[in-house]
Amino acid sequence: MEYKYVIIGAGNGGQSLAGDMVLHGTKVAAIYDKNPAPIRDIKESGGIKMSGPVMQGFAPIEHPTEGLEDAMQQGNVFLVTIVANFHPQLAREMAPYIRETDTVILIPGNAGSSLIFRKTLAECGVKKMPLIGETISMPYATRLLGKAHAGIKAKKLALPCAALPASRNEEFLAALKPAIPEATLWTDSLSIGMSNGNPCGHVPYYLMNIGKVEAPTPADVNFHAWNTPTTDRISDLYDEERMTVMRAIGLNPLSHHEVLKICYANKHYDPIKQQEDRPENAVQVPDRFIDEDVPLNMVLVSEIGHKLGIPTPVADLLIDLSNLVREKDFRAIGTKTETLGIQSLDKESIHALVGLA
């Protein structure tokens, strides 16, 4: 099968992926974003400039577009790099044009992202499903340095991923490998999404350093240097709660430390200096560190824990503090067991749902 790659989302991750693919010799048939600004920047530049230790050069982009139908007509493998909060909306928008022979890859997923995407397509009347799957993270640590200018400071050494259903994992990996050669298989998509390391790596450090978040200085741009023994301990305690909950429903968790070892060999990298005209969504410490990670991961961990009688005091505290800081009710809008169709929490039925049976 000939894979024709279309990138959905022209933010930090989408532009970095497009530039990296092109400069490594994998054709990008199109890049799409409903926001006209990044598409306009790519059109005006003729492509994407790549800087940093991972990749340097200029990547010509043939088909930047603001039209989703137009983008989908160009390819059959859709690399979705938008914030996971908008996956259901994107599924609704893609539904009229999706084909059974397509592959949708959520880069990254979060707790149940593939299940939610498939469920949303079904609700929109799609009868014959495309192959859907997700990665555990973005393939890079990256930010836009300026307009149509991506700066990758580090690339994953390996990137765990899985398909929905898991019985199609090998087929899914074959479609993903030309775009991201570092992709490696894990057991199933729900285990991948719930093992996304961002809640551990973002939430405690954001909340416990709110002064730096709200009053940034040039000395504070390296978010990953904000850790202290206490913030590390809080992160580890939450991670233990998450893994205990996952094991209780028959899933296969990766710890936050295992993810860091697999992806980066436990090494942190300094951010690349950004230009004055960098896009607003390329800030080093965005609010999505809370607005995505808490409702789309922590809320589900807390709910499952409560239903099974598994204590999750750290998850509950971080959710409550996030609600206070962001003035939102993340429990009300977050991913629930009912959202995913796993409210019975029966291991056998969960395995069947994700294709492990």
Protein backbone atom coordinates (compact mmCIF):
# COMPACT_ATOMS: atom_id res chain seq x y z
CA MET A 1 0.00 0.00 0.00
CA GLU A 2 1.22 3.48 -0.83
CA TYR A 3 1.10 5.76 2.19
CA LYS A 4 0.25 9.40 1.53
CA TYR A 5 0.80 11.50 4.65
CA VAL A 6 -1.30 14.47 5.68
CA ILE A 7 -0.50 16.39 8.86
CA ILE A 8 -3.52 17.71 10.74
CA GLY A 9 -2.45 20.67 12.88
CA ALA A 10 0.24 23.24 12.09
CA GLY A 11 1.37 24.12 15.59
CA ASN A 12 4.61 23.20 17.35
CA GLY A 13 4.28 19.49 16.73
CA GLY A 14 2.75 19.58 13.26
CA GLN A 15 5.32 21.91 11.76
CA SER A 16 8.19 20.07 13.44
CA LEU A 17 6.91 16.74 12.12
CA ALA A 18 6.38 18.13 8.62
CA GLY A 19 9.86 19.62 8.47
CA ASP A 20 11.54 16.54 9.89
CA MET A 21 9.72 14.19 7.52
CA VAL A 22 10.53 16.24 4.42
CA LEU A 23 14.20 16.64 5.30
CA HIS A 24 14.44 12.89 5.96
CA GLY A 25 12.95 12.12 2.57
CA THR A 26 9.35 11.20 3.47
CA LYS A 27 6.87 13.20 1.42
CA VAL A 28 4.21 15.27 3.16
CA ALA A 29 1.22 15.42 0.82
CA ALA A 30 -0.43 18.25 2.78
CA ILE A 31 -0.48 20.10 6.08
CA TYR A 32 -3.81 21.42 7.37
CA ASP A 33 -4.91 23.79 10.08
CA LYS A 34 -8.25 25.53 10.46
CA ASN A 35 -6.33 28.49 11.91
CA PRO A 36 -5.28 30.49 8.84
CA ALA A 37 -2.23 32.12 10.48
CA PRO A 38 0.25 29.20 10.42
CA ILE A 39 -0.93 28.09 6.98
CA ARG A 40 -0.42 31.62 5.67
CA ASP A 41 3.07 31.70 7.19
CA ILE A 42 4.01 28.38 5.55
CA LYS A 43 2.64 29.52 2.19
CA GLU A 44 4.53 32.81 2.35
CA SER A 45 7.76 31.05 3.28
CA GLY A 46 7.28 28.20 0.84
CA GLY A 47 7.91 25.73 3.63
CA ILE A 48 9.27 25.40 7.15
CA LYS A 49 12.69 26.39 8.46
CA MET A 50 14.19 23.84 10.83
CA SER A 51 16.70 24.77 13.55
CA GLY A 52 18.26 23.12 16.58
CA PRO A 53 20.53 20.16 17.29
CA VAL A 54 18.20 17.56 15.74
CA MET A 55 17.48 18.95 12.29
CA GLN A 56 18.61 22.01 10.35
CA GLY A 57 17.58 23.17 6.90
CA PHE A 58 14.58 24.29 4.91
CA ALA A 59 11.70 21.90 4.22
CA PRO A 60 9.54 22.83 1.21
CA ILE A 61 5.85 22.13 1.88
CA GLU A 62 3.81 21.49 -1.24
CA HIS A 63 0.23 21.77 -0.03
CA PRO A 64 -0.53 23.90 3.05
CA THR A 65 -4.30 24.27 3.29
CA GLU A 66 -7.09 25.63 5.49
CA GLY A 67 -9.58 23.18 3.96
CA LEU A 68 -10.07 19.85 5.75
CA GLU A 69 -11.81 18.19 2.79
CA ASP A 70 -9.00 19.40 0.54
CA ALA A 71 -6.39 18.01 2.94
CA MET A 72 -8.12 14.65 3.23
CA GLN A 73 -8.29 14.29 -0.53
CA GLN A 74 -4.49 14.47 -0.65
CA GLY A 75 -3.71 11.43 1.47
CA ASN A 76 -4.70 8.31 3.38
CA VAL A 77 -2.61 8.50 6.59
CA PHE A 78 -3.58 11.41 8.82
CA LEU A 79 -1.03 12.44 11.45
CA VAL A 80 -3.10 14.38 13.99
CA THR A 81 -0.94 16.78 16.03
CA ILE A 82 -3.63 18.97 17.60
CA VAL A 83 -4.30 19.29 21.34
CA ALA A 84 -6.26 16.22 22.46
CA ASN A 85 -9.11 18.35 23.84
CA PHE A 86 -10.18 18.90 20.22
CA HIS A 87 -10.07 15.27 19.04
CA PRO A 88 -13.87 14.81 19.23
CA GLN A 89 -14.47 17.99 17.26
CA LEU A 90 -11.96 16.92 14.62
CA ALA A 91 -13.59 13.48 14.37
CA ARG A 92 -16.94 15.14 13.68
CA GLU A 93 -15.37 17.32 11.01
CA MET A 94 -13.54 14.39 9.39
CA ALA A 95 -16.53 12.03 9.47
CA PRO A 96 -18.06 13.07 6.10
CA TYR A 97 -14.78 12.40 4.29
CA ILE A 98 -13.25 9.45 6.15
CA ARG A 99 -12.67 6.15 4.36
CA GLU A 100 -12.29 2.61 5.64
CA THR A 101 -8.86 2.45 3.99
CA ASP A 102 -7.59 5.52 5.90
CA THR A 103 -5.36 5.51 8.98
CA VAL A 104 -5.74 8.14 11.72
CA ILE A 105 -2.77 8.51 14.07
CA LEU A 106 -3.25 10.68 17.17
CA ILE A 107 0.12 12.23 18.07
CA PRO A 108 -0.12 11.98 20.98
CA GLY A 109 -3.17 10.35 22.47
CA ASN A 110 -4.40 10.72 26.00
CA ALA A 111 -6.56 8.47 28.18
CA GLY A 112 -8.90 6.76 25.71
CA SER A 113 -8.27 9.12 22.79
CA SER A 114 -8.62 6.41 20.13
CA LEU A 115 -11.80 5.08 21.74
CA ILE A 116 -13.29 8.58 21.85
CA PHE A 117 -12.32 9.24 18.23
CA ARG A 118 -13.91 5.99 17.06
CA LYS A 119 -17.02 6.56 19.16
CA THR A 120 -17.42 10.08 17.76
CA LEU A 121 -17.09 8.83 14.17
CA ALA A 122 -19.78 6.22 14.90
CA GLU A 123 -22.09 8.86 16.35
CA CYS A 124 -21.64 10.79 13.10
CA GLY A 125 -22.83 7.82 11.07
CA VAL A 126 -19.52 6.27 10.00
CA LYS A 127 -20.16 2.53 9.56
CA LYS A 128 -16.82 1.31 8.24
CA MET A 129 -14.07 2.54 10.52
CA PRO A 130 -10.59 3.61 9.50
CA LEU A 131 -7.62 2.22 11.38
CA ILE A 132 -7.11 4.44 14.44
CA GLY A 133 -4.24 4.55 16.90
CA GLU A 134 -2.08 6.80 19.01
CA THR A 135 1.41 7.50 20.27
CA ILE A 136 2.39 8.01 23.90
CA SER A 137 3.85 11.45 23.23
CA MET A 138 5.01 13.82 20.53
CA PRO A 139 8.10 12.48 18.75
CA TYR A 140 9.99 15.64 19.79
CA ALA A 141 10.59 18.19 22.49
CA THR A 142 9.94 21.20 20.31
CA ARG A 143 8.59 24.72 19.99
CA LEU A 144 8.07 27.13 17.12
CA LEU A 145 10.90 29.64 17.17
CA GLY A 146 9.09 32.02 14.83
CA LYS A 147 6.67 31.99 11.91
CA ALA A 148 7.10 28.80 9.86
CA HIS A 149 10.25 28.11 11.91
CA ALA A 150 10.47 25.02 14.12
CA GLY A 151 13.16 24.31 16.68
CA ILE A 152 13.48 20.69 17.82
CA LYS A 153 15.66 20.50 20.93
CA ALA A 154 15.39 16.72 21.27
CA LYS A 155 13.94 13.74 19.43
CA LYS A 156 12.57 10.61 21.07
CA LEU A 157 14.86 7.59 20.89
CA ALA A 158 11.75 5.41 20.77
CA LEU A 159 8.05 6.26 20.67
CA PRO A 160 5.60 3.64 22.01
CA CYS A 161 2.32 3.42 20.11
CA ALA A 162 -0.67 1.12 19.62
CA ALA A 163 -3.69 0.67 17.38
CA LEU A 164 -7.39 0.38 18.03
CA PRO A 165 -8.02 -2.50 17.79
CA ALA A 166 -4.76 -3.91 19.12
CA SER A 167 -5.11 -6.84 16.72
CA ARG A 168 -4.08 -4.40 13.96
CA ASN A 169 -0.93 -3.18 15.72
CA GLU A 170 1.48 -4.40 13.04
CA GLU A 171 -0.56 -2.79 10.27
CA PHE A 172 -0.65 0.45 12.24
CA LEU A 173 3.11 0.41 12.85
CA ALA A 174 3.78 -0.14 9.14
CA ALA A 175 1.82 3.03 8.33
CA LEU A 176 3.54 5.09 11.04
CA LYS A 177 7.18 4.00 10.59
CA PRO A 178 7.95 5.96 7.38
CA ALA A 179 6.83 9.16 9.14
CA ILE A 180 8.32 8.39 12.58
CA PRO A 181 10.98 5.66 12.35
CA GLU A 182 11.35 5.63 16.16
CA ALA A 183 7.81 4.24 16.63
CA THR A 184 7.62 1.00 18.63
CA LEU A 185 4.60 -1.10 19.57
CA TRP A 186 2.98 -1.34 22.99
CA THR A 187 0.09 -3.60 23.92
CA ASP A 188 -3.02 -1.46 23.34
CA SER A 189 -4.19 2.10 22.77
CA LEU A 190 -5.83 2.62 26.18
CA SER A 191 -2.63 1.62 27.98
CA ILE A 192 -0.69 3.99 25.72
CA GLY A 193 -3.03 6.94 26.34
CA MET A 194 -3.19 6.45 30.09
CA SER A 195 0.63 6.18 30.19
CA ASN A 196 1.10 9.57 28.51
CA GLY A 197 3.79 11.09 30.71
CA ASN A 198 2.60 14.69 30.51
CA PRO A 199 0.41 14.70 33.65
CA CYS A 200 3.42 13.58 35.71
CA GLY A 201 5.83 15.86 33.88
CA HIS A 202 3.65 18.96 33.71
CA VAL A 203 0.96 19.25 36.37
CA PRO A 204 2.87 19.21 39.72
CA TYR A 205 5.62 21.46 38.35
CA TYR A 206 3.17 23.99 36.90
CA LEU A 207 1.02 24.15 40.03
CA MET A 208 3.93 24.26 42.50
CA ASN A 209 5.68 27.00 40.51
CA ILE A 210 2.68 29.19 39.74
CA GLY A 211 4.68 32.35 40.47
CA LYS A 212 7.09 31.49 37.65
CA VAL A 213 4.19 30.64 35.36
CA GLU A 214 2.45 33.97 35.96
CA ALA A 215 5.56 36.17 36.18
CA PRO A 216 8.02 34.62 33.72
CA THR A 217 11.57 35.90 33.40
CA PRO A 218 14.27 34.90 30.90
CA ALA A 219 15.81 32.73 33.61
CA ASP A 220 12.62 30.66 33.89
CA VAL A 221 12.14 29.47 30.30
CA ASN A 222 13.49 25.97 31.04
CA PHE A 223 10.39 24.46 32.61
CA HIS A 224 12.07 21.09 33.13
CA ALA A 225 14.59 22.70 35.49
CA TRP A 226 11.83 23.73 37.91
CA ASN A 227 11.79 20.41 39.73
CA THR A 228 12.63 20.08 43.41
CA PRO A 229 12.71 16.99 45.65
CA THR A 230 9.15 17.77 46.73
CA THR A 231 7.71 18.26 43.24
CA ASP A 232 9.48 15.07 42.10
CA ARG A 233 7.97 13.19 45.05
CA ILE A 234 4.46 14.46 44.23
CA SER A 235 4.91 13.41 40.61
CA ASP A 236 6.03 9.93 41.63
CA LEU A 237 3.15 9.52 44.08
CA TYR A 238 0.62 10.41 41.39
CA ASP A 239 2.33 8.01 38.99
CA GLU A 240 1.96 5.16 41.49
CA GLU A 241 -1.76 5.91 41.84
CA ARG A 242 -2.20 5.92 38.06
CA MET A 243 -0.38 2.62 37.56
CA THR A 244 -2.28 0.95 40.41
CA VAL A 245 -5.58 2.00 38.82
CA MET A 246 -4.48 0.80 35.38
CA ARG A 247 -3.38 -2.61 36.63
CA ALA A 248 -6.68 -3.00 38.48
CA ILE A 249 -8.59 -2.87 35.17
CA GLY A 250 -6.19 -5.14 33.30
CA LEU A 251 -4.08 -2.55 31.47
CA ASN A 252 -0.31 -2.42 30.96
CA PRO A 253 1.12 0.83 32.33
CA LEU A 254 4.47 2.38 31.63
CA SER A 255 5.78 4.44 34.53
CA HIS A 256 6.74 8.06 34.01
CA HIS A 257 10.38 7.12 34.60
CA GLU A 258 10.18 4.25 32.12
CA VAL A 259 8.80 6.64 29.50
CA LEU A 260 11.64 9.10 30.11
CA LYS A 261 14.18 6.30 29.84
CA ILE A 262 12.65 4.86 26.66
CA CYS A 263 12.18 8.22 24.97
CA TYR A 264 15.13 10.32 26.15
CA ALA A 265 17.46 8.02 28.12
CA ASN A 266 16.57 10.19 31.16
CA LYS A 267 18.29 13.23 29.65
CA HIS A 268 16.76 16.73 29.72
CA TYR A 269 17.52 19.31 27.08
CA ASP A 270 17.74 23.09 27.28
CA PRO A 271 15.15 25.03 25.24
CA ILE A 272 16.17 26.84 22.06
CA LYS A 273 15.94 30.63 22.14
CA GLN A 274 12.80 31.84 20.43
CA GLN A 275 12.35 34.89 18.21
CA GLU A 276 10.24 37.90 19.11
CA ASP A 277 7.62 37.02 16.49
CA ARG A 278 7.00 33.47 17.71
CA PRO A 279 3.34 32.34 17.61
CA GLU A 280 1.34 32.72 20.83
CA ASN A 281 0.77 28.96 21.10
CA ALA A 282 4.53 28.34 21.24
CA VAL A 283 5.09 29.66 24.77
CA GLN A 284 7.35 27.44 26.85
CA VAL A 285 4.82 26.89 29.66
CA PRO A 286 1.34 26.89 28.08
CA ASP A 287 -1.92 26.59 30.04
CA ARG A 288 -2.60 23.33 28.18
CA PHE A 289 -0.13 21.77 30.65
CA ILE A 290 -3.18 21.84 32.96
CA ASP A 291 -6.16 22.22 30.62
CA GLU A 292 -5.26 19.07 28.67
CA ASP A 293 -3.48 16.83 31.15
CA VAL A 294 -5.88 17.14 34.07
CA PRO A 295 -9.30 16.56 32.41
CA LEU A 296 -8.05 14.08 29.80
CA ASN A 297 -6.05 11.85 32.13
CA MET A 298 -6.12 12.61 35.86
CA VAL A 299 -9.91 12.79 36.09
CA LEU A 300 -10.26 9.26 34.70
CA VAL A 301 -7.64 7.92 37.12
CA SER A 302 -9.50 9.51 40.03
CA GLU A 303 -12.91 8.21 38.93
CA ILE A 304 -11.73 4.63 38.43
CA GLY A 305 -9.95 4.74 41.78
CA HIS A 306 -13.08 5.91 43.56
CA LYS A 307 -15.23 3.25 41.88
CA LEU A 308 -12.82 0.45 42.80
CA GLY A 309 -11.98 1.71 46.29
CA ILE A 310 -8.38 2.53 45.32
CA PRO A 311 -7.15 5.66 47.15
CA THR A 312 -6.07 8.49 44.82
CA PRO A 313 -5.40 11.37 47.23
CA VAL A 314 -2.64 12.93 45.11
CA ALA A 315 -4.72 12.85 41.92
CA ASP A 316 -7.66 14.36 43.81
CA LEU A 317 -5.50 17.12 45.29
CA LEU A 318 -3.96 18.02 41.93
CA ILE A 319 -7.40 18.11 40.27
CA ASP A 320 -8.82 20.34 43.02
CA LEU A 321 -5.83 22.68 42.88
CA SER A 322 -6.04 22.81 39.08
CA ASN A 323 -9.72 23.73 39.32
CA LEU A 324 -8.81 26.55 41.69
CA VAL A 325 -5.88 27.86 39.65
CA ARG A 326 -7.58 27.65 36.23
CA GLU A 327 -11.08 28.53 37.53
CA LYS A 328 -12.61 25.51 35.85
CA ASP A 329 -14.40 22.30 36.84
CA PHE A 330 -12.21 19.65 35.24
CA ARG A 331 -14.22 16.81 36.80
CA ALA A 332 -17.31 18.04 34.97
CA ILE A 333 -15.62 18.22 31.57
CA GLY A 334 -13.05 15.44 31.92
CA THR A 335 -12.91 11.97 30.40
CA LYS A 336 -15.06 9.50 32.35
CA THR A 337 -15.47 5.74 32.26
CA GLU A 338 -18.85 6.28 30.61
CA THR A 339 -17.19 8.41 27.92
CA LEU A 340 -15.00 5.43 27.00
CA GLY A 341 -17.66 2.74 27.46
CA ILE A 342 -15.77 1.04 30.31
CA GLN A 343 -18.10 1.92 33.18
CA SER A 344 -18.39 -1.74 34.24
CA LEU A 345 -14.57 -1.78 34.76
CA ASP A 346 -14.61 -5.46 33.87
CA LYS A 347 -11.16 -6.55 32.65
CA GLU A 348 -12.52 -8.94 30.04
CA SER A 349 -14.84 -6.37 28.48
CA ILE A 350 -12.09 -3.71 28.47
CA HIS A 351 -9.73 -6.13 26.72
CA ALA A 352 -12.42 -6.85 24.13
CA LEU A 353 -13.07 -3.13 23.61
CA VAL A 354 -9.43 -2.33 22.86
CA GLY A 355 -8.96 -5.46 20.76
CA LEU A 356 -6.82 -7.54 23.12
CA ALA A 357 -9.34 -10.37 23.40
